[in-house]
C-alpha atoms as a PDB file:
ATOM      1  CA  MET A   1       0.000   0.000   0.000  1.00  0.00           C
ATOM      2  CA  SER A   2       1.411   3.370  -0.994  1.00  0.00           C
ATOM      3  CA  LEU A   3       1.202   6.468   1.191  1.00  0.00           C
ATOM      4  CA  GLU A   4      -0.690   8.230  -1.589  1.00  0.00           C
ATOM      5  CA  ARG A   5      -3.589   5.838  -1.053  1.00  0.00           C
ATOM      6  CA  PHE A   6      -3.287   5.708   2.725  1.00  0.00           C
ATOM      7  CA  ASP A   7      -6.516   6.291   4.647  1.00  0.00           C
ATOM      8  CA  LEU A   8      -5.943   8.488   7.701  1.00  0.00           C
ATOM      9  CA  ASN A   9      -8.873   6.768   9.398  1.00  0.00           C
ATOM     10  CA  LEU A  10      -6.562   3.788   9.801  1.00  0.00           C
ATOM     11  CA  LEU A  11      -4.473   5.795  12.265  1.00  0.00           C
ATOM     12  CA  ARG A  12      -7.508   6.536  14.406  1.00  0.00           C
ATOM     13  CA  SER A  13      -8.361   2.832  14.383  1.00  0.00           C
ATOM     14  CA  LEU A  14      -4.823   1.889  15.357  1.00  0.00           C
ATOM     15  CA  ASP A  15      -4.910   4.393  18.217  1.00  0.00           C
ATOM     16  CA  VAL A  16      -8.086   2.847  19.650  1.00  0.00           C
ATOM     17  CA  LEU A  17      -6.828  -0.701  19.099  1.00  0.00           C
ATOM     18  CA  LEU A  18      -3.667   0.071  21.071  1.00  0.00           C
ATOM     19  CA  VAL A  19      -5.785   1.411  23.933  1.00  0.00           C
ATOM     20  CA  GLU A  20      -8.392  -1.360  24.022  1.00  0.00           C
ATOM     21  CA  ARG A  21      -6.169  -4.236  22.859  1.00  0.00           C
ATOM     22  CA  ASN A  22      -9.362  -6.010  21.899  1.00  0.00           C
ATOM     23  CA  VAL A  23     -10.947  -5.895  18.435  1.00  0.00           C
ATOM     24  CA  THR A  24     -14.533  -6.211  19.687  1.00  0.00           C
ATOM     25  CA  ARG A  25     -14.250  -3.353  22.194  1.00  0.00           C
ATOM     26  CA  ALA A  26     -12.291  -1.183  19.755  1.00  0.00           C
ATOM     27  CA  ALA A  27     -14.875  -1.747  17.013  1.00  0.00           C
ATOM     28  CA  ALA A  28     -17.644  -0.676  19.404  1.00  0.00           C
ATOM     29  CA  ARG A  29     -15.801   2.559  20.262  1.00  0.00           C
ATOM     30  CA  LEU A  30     -15.170   3.285  16.597  1.00  0.00           C
ATOM     31  CA  HIS A  31     -18.749   2.408  15.593  1.00  0.00           C
ATOM     32  CA  LEU A  32     -17.450  -0.187  13.153  1.00  0.00           C
ATOM     33  CA  SER A  33     -18.275  -3.846  12.649  1.00  0.00           C
ATOM     34  CA  GLN A  34     -15.699  -6.309  13.935  1.00  0.00           C
ATOM     35  CA  PRO A  35     -14.905  -7.625  10.406  1.00  0.00           C
ATOM     36  CA  ALA A  36     -14.385  -4.058   9.158  1.00  0.00           C
ATOM     37  CA  LEU A  37     -11.923  -3.283  11.937  1.00  0.00           C
ATOM     38  CA  SER A  38     -10.141  -6.609  11.432  1.00  0.00           C
ATOM     39  CA  ASN A  39      -9.695  -5.661   7.787  1.00  0.00           C
ATOM     40  CA  GLN A  40      -8.246  -2.292   8.800  1.00  0.00           C
ATOM     41  CA  LEU A  41      -5.812  -4.020  11.138  1.00  0.00           C
ATOM     42  CA  LYS A  42      -4.756  -6.250   8.242  1.00  0.00           C
ATOM     43  CA  GLN A  43      -4.070  -3.143   6.128  1.00  0.00           C
ATOM     44  CA  LEU A  44      -2.060  -1.546   8.946  1.00  0.00           C
ATOM     45  CA  ARG A  45       0.047  -4.674   9.356  1.00  0.00           C
ATOM     46  CA  ALA A  46       0.845  -4.656   5.656  1.00  0.00           C
ATOM     47  CA  LEU A  47       1.631  -0.956   5.583  1.00  0.00           C
ATOM     48  CA  LEU A  48       3.890  -1.013   8.632  1.00  0.00           C
ATOM     49  CA  ASP A  49       5.314  -4.481   7.995  1.00  0.00           C
ATOM     50  CA  ASP A  50       4.644  -5.505  11.600  1.00  0.00           C
ATOM     51  CA  PRO A  51       1.984  -7.649  13.356  1.00  0.00           C
ATOM     52  CA  LEU A  52       1.283  -4.654  15.667  1.00  0.00           C
ATOM     53  CA  LEU A  53      -1.080  -6.650  17.921  1.00  0.00           C
ATOM     54  CA  ILE A  54      -0.648 -10.325  18.751  1.00  0.00           C
ATOM     55  CA  PRO A  55      -3.513 -12.537  20.032  1.00  0.00           C
ATOM     56  CA  ASN A  56      -3.217 -13.258  23.756  1.00  0.00           C
ATOM     57  CA  GLY A  57      -6.049 -15.684  24.389  1.00  0.00           C
ATOM     58  CA  ALA A  58      -8.910 -14.521  26.593  1.00  0.00           C
ATOM     59  CA  ARG A  59      -6.915 -11.434  27.613  1.00  0.00           C
ATOM     60  CA  GLY A  60      -7.240  -9.850  24.196  1.00  0.00           C
ATOM     61  CA  MET A  61      -4.128  -8.776  22.294  1.00  0.00           C
ATOM     62  CA  LEU A  62      -0.594  -7.720  23.114  1.00  0.00           C
ATOM     63  CA  PRO A  63       1.086  -4.830  21.259  1.00  0.00           C
ATOM     64  CA  THR A  64       4.428  -5.490  19.638  1.00  0.00           C
ATOM     65  CA  PRO A  65       7.487  -3.358  20.524  1.00  0.00           C
ATOM     66  CA  ARG A  66       6.976  -1.492  17.235  1.00  0.00           C
ATOM     67  CA  ALA A  67       3.361  -0.712  18.148  1.00  0.00           C
ATOM     68  CA  LEU A  68       4.325   0.522  21.622  1.00  0.00           C
ATOM     69  CA  ALA A  69       6.992   2.752  20.095  1.00  0.00           C
ATOM     70  CA  LEU A  70       4.392   4.232  17.740  1.00  0.00           C
ATOM     71  CA  GLN A  71       1.634   4.768  20.306  1.00  0.00           C
ATOM     72  CA  GLU A  72       2.634   8.074  21.894  1.00  0.00           C
ATOM     73  CA  SER A  73       3.742   9.687  18.630  1.00  0.00           C
ATOM     74  CA  LEU A  74       0.555   8.499  16.967  1.00  0.00           C
ATOM     75  CA  ARG A  75      -1.594  10.060  19.703  1.00  0.00           C
ATOM     76  CA  ASP A  76       0.300  13.352  19.412  1.00  0.00           C
ATOM     77  CA  TYR A  77      -0.059  13.368  15.628  1.00  0.00           C
ATOM     78  CA  LEU A  78      -3.796  12.730  15.746  1.00  0.00           C
ATOM     79  CA  ALA A  79      -4.278  15.473  18.328  1.00  0.00           C
ATOM     80  CA  GLN A  80      -2.245  17.957  16.275  1.00  0.00           C
ATOM     81  CA  LEU A  81      -4.142  17.061  13.109  1.00  0.00           C
ATOM     82  CA  THR A  82      -7.497  17.434  14.868  1.00  0.00           C
ATOM     83  CA  ALA A  83      -6.481  20.784  16.384  1.00  0.00           C
ATOM     84  CA  LEU A  84      -5.267  22.025  12.991  1.00  0.00           C
ATOM     85  CA  LEU A  85      -8.537  21.133  11.279  1.00  0.00           C
ATOM     86  CA  ILE A  86     -10.613  22.675  14.069  1.00  0.00           C
ATOM     87  CA  GLU A  87      -8.572  25.870  14.116  1.00  0.00           C
ATOM     88  CA  GLN A  88      -8.887  26.237  10.350  1.00  0.00           C
ATOM     89  CA  LYS A  89     -12.619  25.694  10.506  1.00  0.00           C
ATOM     90  CA  GLY A  90     -13.128  27.764  13.664  1.00  0.00           C
ATOM     91  CA  PHE A  91     -15.955  27.184  16.127  1.00  0.00           C
ATOM     92  CA  ASP A  92     -19.444  28.567  15.674  1.00  0.00           C
ATOM     93  CA  PRO A  93     -21.614  27.371  18.580  1.00  0.00           C
ATOM     94  CA  ALA A  94     -24.827  28.264  16.755  1.00  0.00           C
ATOM     95  CA  ALA A  95     -23.860  26.008  13.813  1.00  0.00           C
ATOM     96  CA  SER A  96     -22.118  23.227  15.747  1.00  0.00           C
ATOM     97  CA  ASN A  97     -23.626  19.807  16.445  1.00  0.00           C
ATOM     98  CA  ARG A  98     -20.778  18.705  18.686  1.00  0.00           C
ATOM     99  CA  THR A  99     -21.341  16.299  21.567  1.00  0.00           C
ATOM    100  CA  TRP A 100     -19.641  17.378  24.800  1.00  0.00           C
ATOM    101  CA  ARG A 101     -18.634  14.707  27.318  1.00  0.00           C
ATOM    102  CA  ILE A 102     -17.994  15.840  30.879  1.00  0.00           C
ATOM    103  CA  SER A 103     -16.839  13.494  33.620  1.00  0.00           C
ATOM    104  CA  ALA A 104     -17.640  14.395  37.235  1.00  0.00           C
ATOM    105  CA  ALA A 105     -19.186  13.156  40.463  1.00  0.00           C
ATOM    106  CA  ASP A 106     -22.956  13.604  40.640  1.00  0.00           C
ATOM    107  CA  SER A 107     -22.493  16.473  43.096  1.00  0.00           C
ATOM    108  CA  ALA A 108     -20.517  18.505  40.544  1.00  0.00           C
ATOM    109  CA  HIS A 109     -22.931  17.582  37.755  1.00  0.00           C
ATOM    110  CA  SER A 110     -25.833  18.760  39.926  1.00  0.00           C
ATOM    111  CA  VAL A 111     -24.163  22.126  40.457  1.00  0.00           C
ATOM    112  CA  MET A 112     -22.964  22.766  36.914  1.00  0.00           C
ATOM    113  CA  ALA A 113     -25.259  20.927  34.479  1.00  0.00           C
ATOM    114  CA  PRO A 114     -28.484  22.995  34.747  1.00  0.00           C
ATOM    115  CA  GLY A 115     -26.738  26.297  34.016  1.00  0.00           C
ATOM    116  CA  LEU A 116     -24.601  24.765  31.269  1.00  0.00           C
ATOM    117  CA  LEU A 117     -27.656  23.166  29.652  1.00  0.00           C
ATOM    118  CA  HIS A 118     -29.405  26.533  29.609  1.00  0.00           C
ATOM    119  CA  ARG A 119     -26.406  28.101  27.863  1.00  0.00           C
ATOM    120  CA  LEU A 120     -26.283  25.323  25.265  1.00  0.00           C
ATOM    121  CA  GLN A 121     -29.985  25.695  24.538  1.00  0.00           C
ATOM    122  CA  THR A 122     -29.480  29.416  24.056  1.00  0.00           C
ATOM    123  CA  SER A 123     -26.190  29.549  22.140  1.00  0.00           C
ATOM    124  CA  ALA A 124     -25.553  26.039  20.785  1.00  0.00           C
ATOM    125  CA  PRO A 125     -28.957  24.368  20.345  1.00  0.00           C
ATOM    126  CA  ALA A 126     -27.702  21.528  18.129  1.00  0.00           C
ATOM    127  CA  CYS A 127     -24.972  20.480  20.561  1.00  0.00           C
ATOM    128  CA  ARG A 128     -25.447  17.611  22.997  1.00  0.00           C
ATOM    129  CA  LEU A 129     -24.193  17.095  26.538  1.00  0.00           C
ATOM    130  CA  ALA A 130     -23.176  13.708  27.968  1.00  0.00           C
ATOM    131  CA  LEU A 131     -22.697  13.614  31.749  1.00  0.00           C
ATOM    132  CA  LEU A 132     -20.319  10.799  32.671  1.00  0.00           C
ATOM    133  CA  PRO A 133     -19.279   9.470  36.093  1.00  0.00           C
ATOM    134  CA  SER A 134     -15.831  10.339  37.387  1.00  0.00           C
ATOM    135  CA  SER A 135     -15.033   6.816  38.592  1.00  0.00           C
ATOM    136  CA  GLN A 136     -14.026   5.527  35.155  1.00  0.00           C
ATOM    137  CA  GLN A 137     -11.128   3.275  34.352  1.00  0.00           C
ATOM    138  CA  ASN A 138      -8.491   4.592  31.945  1.00  0.00           C
ATOM    139  CA  LEU A 139      -9.665   8.167  32.546  1.00  0.00           C
ATOM    140  CA  LEU A 140      -6.504   9.714  31.094  1.00  0.00           C
ATOM    141  CA  GLU A 141      -6.666   7.469  28.039  1.00  0.00           C
ATOM    142  CA  LEU A 142     -10.279   8.482  27.456  1.00  0.00           C
ATOM    143  CA  MET A 143      -9.383  12.159  27.723  1.00  0.00           C
ATOM    144  CA  SER A 144      -6.340  11.749  25.522  1.00  0.00           C
ATOM    145  CA  SER A 145      -8.456  10.117  22.807  1.00  0.00           C
ATOM    146  CA  ASN A 146     -11.206  12.759  23.128  1.00  0.00           C
ATOM    147  CA  GLU A 147     -13.699  10.271  24.553  1.00  0.00           C
ATOM    148  CA  ILE A 148     -14.006  12.736  27.451  1.00  0.00           C
ATOM    149  CA  ASP A 149     -13.687  16.493  26.956  1.00  0.00           C
ATOM    150  CA  LEU A 150     -13.546  17.772  30.538  1.00  0.00           C
ATOM    151  CA  LEU A 151     -13.112  16.464  34.056  1.00  0.00           C
ATOM    152  CA  LEU A 152     -14.624  18.298  37.024  1.00  0.00           C
ATOM    153  CA  ALA A 153     -12.953  17.202  40.245  1.00  0.00           C
ATOM    154  CA  SER A 154     -11.342  18.410  43.443  1.00  0.00           C
ATOM    155  CA  SER A 155      -7.701  19.417  43.268  1.00  0.00           C
ATOM    156  CA  ALA A 156      -6.775  16.265  45.211  1.00  0.00           C
ATOM    157  CA  SER A 157      -8.486  14.074  42.579  1.00  0.00           C
ATOM    158  CA  MET A 158      -7.277  15.900  39.462  1.00  0.00           C
ATOM    159  CA  PRO A 159      -4.699  13.793  37.545  1.00  0.00           C
ATOM    160  CA  ALA A 160      -1.353  15.601  37.347  1.00  0.00           C
ATOM    161  CA  PRO A 161      -0.929  15.404  33.518  1.00  0.00           C
ATOM    162  CA  LEU A 162      -4.096  17.424  32.878  1.00  0.00           C
ATOM    163  CA  LYS A 163      -4.246  21.165  32.448  1.00  0.00           C
ATOM    164  CA  CYS A 164      -6.670  22.589  34.977  1.00  0.00           C
ATOM    165  CA  ARG A 165      -8.279  25.741  36.322  1.00  0.00           C
ATOM    166  CA  GLU A 166     -10.025  26.374  39.610  1.00  0.00           C
ATOM    167  CA  LEU A 167     -13.771  26.874  39.300  1.00  0.00           C
ATOM    168  CA  TYR A 168     -14.623  27.647  42.914  1.00  0.00           C
ATOM    169  CA  ARG A 169     -13.768  26.994  46.543  1.00  0.00           C
ATOM    170  CA  GLU A 170     -16.190  24.690  48.328  1.00  0.00           C
ATOM    171  CA  SER A 171     -17.087  24.425  52.013  1.00  0.00           C
ATOM    172  CA  PHE A 172     -19.304  22.046  53.981  1.00  0.00           C
ATOM    173  CA  VAL A 173     -22.655  22.458  55.698  1.00  0.00           C
ATOM    174  CA  CYS A 174     -24.876  20.215  57.827  1.00  0.00           C
ATOM    175  CA  VAL A 175     -28.292  19.307  56.437  1.00  0.00           C
ATOM    176  CA  LEU A 176     -31.385  18.043  58.284  1.00  0.00           C
ATOM    177  CA  ARG A 177     -35.014  17.568  57.294  1.00  0.00           C
ATOM    178  CA  LYS A 178     -37.589  20.271  57.835  1.00  0.00           C
ATOM    179  CA  GLY A 179     -39.114  19.797  61.274  1.00  0.00           C
ATOM    180  CA  HIS A 180     -36.128  17.914  62.692  1.00  0.00           C
ATOM    181  CA  PRO A 181     -36.096  18.454  66.487  1.00  0.00           C
ATOM    182  CA  LEU A 182     -32.523  19.785  66.309  1.00  0.00           C
ATOM    183  CA  ALA A 183     -33.045  22.047  63.295  1.00  0.00           C
ATOM    184  CA  LYS A 184     -33.962  25.234  65.182  1.00  0.00           C
ATOM    185  CA  LYS A 185     -30.675  25.951  66.940  1.00  0.00           C
ATOM    186  CA  PRO A 186     -26.938  25.557  66.274  1.00  0.00           C
ATOM    187  CA  LEU A 187     -25.556  22.052  66.563  1.00  0.00           C
ATOM    188  CA  SER A 188     -23.238  21.322  69.460  1.00  0.00           C
ATOM    189  CA  LEU A 189     -20.301  19.015  68.857  1.00  0.00           C
ATOM    190  CA  GLN A 190     -21.707  16.527  71.359  1.00  0.00           C
ATOM    191  CA  ARG A 191     -25.110  16.403  69.643  1.00  0.00           C
ATOM    192  CA  TYR A 192     -23.458  16.178  66.232  1.00  0.00           C
ATOM    193  CA  CYS A 193     -21.414  13.141  67.240  1.00  0.00           C
ATOM    194  CA  GLU A 194     -24.413  11.422  68.821  1.00  0.00           C
ATOM    195  CA  MET A 195     -26.752  11.890  65.838  1.00  0.00           C
ATOM    196  CA  PRO A 196     -27.110   9.201  63.133  1.00  0.00           C
ATOM    197  CA  HIS A 197     -25.342  10.322  59.950  1.00  0.00           C
ATOM    198  CA  VAL A 198     -25.680   9.572  56.251  1.00  0.00           C
ATOM    199  CA  LEU A 199     -22.394   9.673  54.336  1.00  0.00           C
ATOM    200  CA  THR A 200     -21.998   9.805  50.567  1.00  0.00           C
ATOM    201  CA  SER A 201     -19.434   7.326  49.287  1.00  0.00           C
ATOM    202  CA  PRO A 202     -19.026   7.673  45.475  1.00  0.00           C
ATOM    203  CA  SER A 203     -17.045   4.431  45.287  1.00  0.00           C
ATOM    204  CA  GLY A 204     -19.794   2.686  47.240  1.00  0.00           C
ATOM    205  CA  GLY A 205     -20.037   1.252  50.729  1.00  0.00           C
ATOM    206  CA  GLY A 206     -17.633   3.547  52.605  1.00  0.00           C
ATOM    207  CA  PHE A 207     -18.424   4.689  56.137  1.00  0.00           C
ATOM    208  CA  GLU A 208     -15.635   7.218  56.657  1.00  0.00           C
ATOM    209  CA  GLY A 209     -14.695  10.481  54.953  1.00  0.00           C
ATOM    210  CA  ILE A 210     -13.159  13.902  55.515  1.00  0.00           C
ATOM    211  CA  VAL A 211     -15.509  14.642  58.427  1.00  0.00           C
ATOM    212  CA  ASP A 212     -14.253  11.554  60.248  1.00  0.00           C
ATOM    213  CA  ASP A 213     -10.669  12.659  59.624  1.00  0.00           C
ATOM    214  CA  MET A 214     -11.418  16.075  61.153  1.00  0.00           C
ATOM    215  CA  LEU A 215     -13.188  14.512  64.152  1.00  0.00           C
ATOM    216  CA  ALA A 216     -10.287  12.120  64.734  1.00  0.00           C
ATOM    217  CA  LYS A 217      -7.919  15.090  65.001  1.00  0.00           C
ATOM    218  CA  ILE A 218      -9.853  16.328  68.044  1.00  0.00           C
ATOM    219  CA  GLY A 219     -10.386  12.879  69.530  1.00  0.00           C
ATOM    220  CA  ARG A 220     -14.051  12.485  68.549  1.00  0.00           C
ATOM    221  CA  ARG A 221     -16.114  10.099  66.424  1.00  0.00           C
ATOM    222  CA  ARG A 222     -19.552  10.211  64.829  1.00  0.00           C
ATOM    223  CA  ARG A 223     -22.095   7.472  64.105  1.00  0.00           C
ATOM    224  CA  VAL A 224     -22.528   6.874  60.373  1.00  0.00           C
ATOM    225  CA  MET A 225     -25.706   4.841  60.030  1.00  0.00           C
ATOM    226  CA  LEU A 226     -26.092   4.817  56.254  1.00  0.00           C
ATOM    227  CA  SER A 227     -23.687   4.972  53.311  1.00  0.00           C
ATOM    228  CA  SER A 228     -25.125   6.266  50.015  1.00  0.00           C
ATOM    229  CA  PRO A 229     -23.457   6.050  46.577  1.00  0.00           C
ATOM    230  CA  SER A 230     -25.049   9.319  45.455  1.00  0.00           C
ATOM    231  CA  PHE A 231     -25.790  12.798  46.760  1.00  0.00           C
ATOM    232  CA  LEU A 232     -29.073  12.676  44.844  1.00  0.00           C
ATOM    233  CA  LEU A 233     -30.485  10.180  47.373  1.00  0.00           C
ATOM    234  CA  VAL A 234     -29.688  12.299  50.410  1.00  0.00           C
ATOM    235  CA  PRO A 235     -32.738  14.630  50.502  1.00  0.00           C
ATOM    236  CA  ASN A 236     -35.151  11.680  50.380  1.00  0.00           C
ATOM    237  CA  LEU A 237     -33.195   9.856  53.070  1.00  0.00           C
ATOM    238  CA  LEU A 238     -33.229  12.911  55.319  1.00  0.00           C
ATOM    239  CA  GLU A 239     -36.951  13.495  54.860  1.00  0.00           C
ATOM    240  CA  ALA A 240     -37.687   9.942  55.982  1.00  0.00           C
ATOM    241  CA  SER A 241     -35.435   9.915  59.055  1.00  0.00           C
ATOM    242  CA  GLU A 242     -33.652  11.754  61.854  1.00  0.00           C
ATOM    243  CA  LEU A 243     -30.359  11.542  59.947  1.00  0.00           C
ATOM    244  CA  VAL A 244     -27.956  14.428  59.407  1.00  0.00           C
ATOM    245  CA  ALA A 245     -25.715  14.823  56.364  1.00  0.00           C
ATOM    246  CA  THR A 246     -22.577  16.938  55.975  1.00  0.00           C
ATOM    247  CA  VAL A 247     -22.307  17.884  52.313  1.00  0.00           C
ATOM    248  CA  PRO A 248     -20.786  20.510  49.987  1.00  0.00           C
ATOM    249  CA  ARG A 249     -22.605  23.825  50.445  1.00  0.00           C
ATOM    250  CA  ARG A 250     -23.412  24.336  46.752  1.00  0.00           C
ATOM    251  CA  VAL A 251     -25.053  20.914  46.612  1.00  0.00           C
ATOM    252  CA  ALA A 252     -27.097  21.539  49.768  1.00  0.00           C
ATOM    253  CA  ARG A 253     -28.424  24.830  48.414  1.00  0.00           C
ATOM    254  CA  LEU A 254     -29.905  22.988  45.434  1.00  0.00           C
ATOM    255  CA  TRP A 255     -32.249  21.156  47.788  1.00  0.00           C
ATOM    256  CA  GLY A 256     -33.967  24.417  48.686  1.00  0.00           C
ATOM    257  CA  SER A 257     -36.888  24.295  51.097  1.00  0.00           C
ATOM    258  CA  ARG A 258     -36.731  20.524  51.502  1.00  0.00           C
ATOM    259  CA  VAL A 259     -33.996  20.796  54.134  1.00  0.00           C
ATOM    260  CA  VAL A 260     -32.532  22.987  56.868  1.00  0.00           C
ATOM    261  CA  LEU A 261     -28.880  24.065  56.645  1.00  0.00           C
ATOM    262  CA  LEU A 262     -26.779  24.434  59.796  1.00  0.00           C
ATOM    263  CA  GLU A 263     -23.120  25.260  60.245  1.00  0.00           C
ATOM    264  CA  PRO A 264     -20.940  22.304  61.319  1.00  0.00           C
ATOM    265  CA  PRO A 265     -19.857  22.383  64.982  1.00  0.00           C
ATOM    266  CA  LEU A 266     -16.228  21.814  63.991  1.00  0.00           C
ATOM    267  CA  GLU A 267     -13.839  23.109  61.374  1.00  0.00           C
ATOM    268  CA  ILE A 268     -13.974  20.983  58.214  1.00  0.00           C
ATOM    269  CA  GLU A 269     -11.376  21.697  55.552  1.00  0.00           C
ATOM    270  CA  GLY A 270     -12.938  22.770  52.260  1.00  0.00           C
ATOM    271  CA  PHE A 271     -11.609  21.986  48.811  1.00  0.00           C
ATOM    272  CA  SER A 272     -10.940  23.489  45.398  1.00  0.00           C
ATOM    273  CA  MET A 273     -13.243  22.323  42.603  1.00  0.00           C
ATOM    274  CA  GLN A 274     -11.319  22.333  39.352  1.00  0.00           C
ATOM    275  CA  MET A 275     -11.900  21.826  35.652  1.00  0.00           C
ATOM    276  CA  GLY A 276      -9.332  19.712  33.816  1.00  0.00           C
ATOM    277  CA  TRP A 277      -8.621  18.937  30.166  1.00  0.00           C
ATOM    278  CA  HIS A 278      -5.916  17.097  28.263  1.00  0.00           C
ATOM    279  CA  PRO A 279      -2.946  19.270  27.172  1.00  0.00           C
ATOM    280  CA  ARG A 280      -3.396  18.019  23.620  1.00  0.00           C
ATOM    281  CA  ASN A 281      -6.722  19.870  23.471  1.00  0.00           C
ATOM    282  CA  GLN A 282      -5.412  23.191  24.727  1.00  0.00           C
ATOM    283  CA  SER A 283      -5.804  24.843  21.315  1.00  0.00           C
ATOM    284  CA  ASP A 284      -9.249  23.419  20.529  1.00  0.00           C
ATOM    285  CA  PRO A 285     -11.467  26.533  20.126  1.00  0.00           C
ATOM    286  CA  GLY A 286     -14.633  24.545  20.724  1.00  0.00           C
ATOM    287  CA  LEU A 287     -13.356  23.189  24.009  1.00  0.00           C
ATOM    288  CA  ARG A 288     -12.157  26.652  24.956  1.00  0.00           C
ATOM    289  CA  TRP A 289     -15.699  27.919  24.350  1.00  0.00           C
ATOM    290  CA  LEU A 290     -17.112  25.148  26.569  1.00  0.00           C
ATOM    291  CA  ARG A 291     -14.706  26.019  29.372  1.00  0.00           C
ATOM    292  CA  GLU A 292     -15.781  29.651  29.140  1.00  0.00           C
ATOM    293  CA  GLN A 293     -19.438  28.631  29.445  1.00  0.00           C
ATOM    294  CA  ILE A 294     -18.721  26.617  32.578  1.00  0.00           C
ATOM    295  CA  GLN A 295     -16.811  29.504  34.115  1.00  0.00           C
ATOM    296  CA  ALA A 296     -19.749  31.783  33.318  1.00  0.00           C
ATOM    297  CA  VAL A 297     -22.114  29.367  35.070  1.00  0.00           C
ATOM    298  CA  VAL A 298     -19.913  29.527  38.160  1.00  0.00           C
ATOM    299  CA  ALA A 299     -19.825  33.321  38.042  1.00  0.00           C
ATOM    300  CA  GLU A 300     -23.621  33.402  37.948  1.00  0.00           C
ATOM    301  CA  THR A 301     -23.905  31.142  40.988  1.00  0.00           C
ATOM    302  CA  THR A 302     -23.797  32.799  44.382  1.00  0.00           C
ATOM    303  CA  VAL A 303     -23.303  30.856  47.581  1.00  0.00           C
ATOM    304  CA  GLY A 304     -24.182  32.374  50.921  1.00  0.00           C
END
């Protein structure tokens, strides 16, 4: 096969194959049939005069040394080519039908998504928004291959290779149901430790978090009665119980009149919520526009 007849789509296929190391999974990501992708792999092997990926039984395929040597340069080339084409074309939100994929915990999605959706409906009505969980395997690979556009996460959870910008500083607040017998006056530390708590554990099943770390520093403990995988369940759980939750302030304010907010009876260290993107996409004008929209949403949000 001569370079004059070379299909650049083969490079995209090779990139995904080297990430997935499985023809079936790679074909699904590329929206190709398995036979079609197998044929592309055959063409790549002939062009590069190397097997590239070797069958490895039930574990999928193993890349050859030549394939591993190509992988990083290939990813850089594809990113540069994509950026060049986008820059030449420019970005017109009103004419774009781009799909944005944002990875975040449900708490961050709850805070950011409504305002961002409103802006898309107003300025980019043909664009789509996919909200993805933050607990994904191969997160950096997905961002590098443009499967994910942005990551919203705390500074402690933001992968070091990503470019990032702080969106806002977050603090914590205690939340109880309306009519809770302790909702009419400030919480004492003693009462707080004695109350049954609900804790949100995004990874599932955890019964300790930052609040427990802060309590341990002053020699105290609380009683976590229920562990929830999602912040979205918390208001319903509070309304049906005498539980108390300690949650990010911006999330609690979304629950409005359903709950009562009280200041914690101890100092709980806040955190920086950040927005991260892959360095390869720094020059993407469309992604730059999306980042600006998210920053505008934050600027419009006030937290008392």
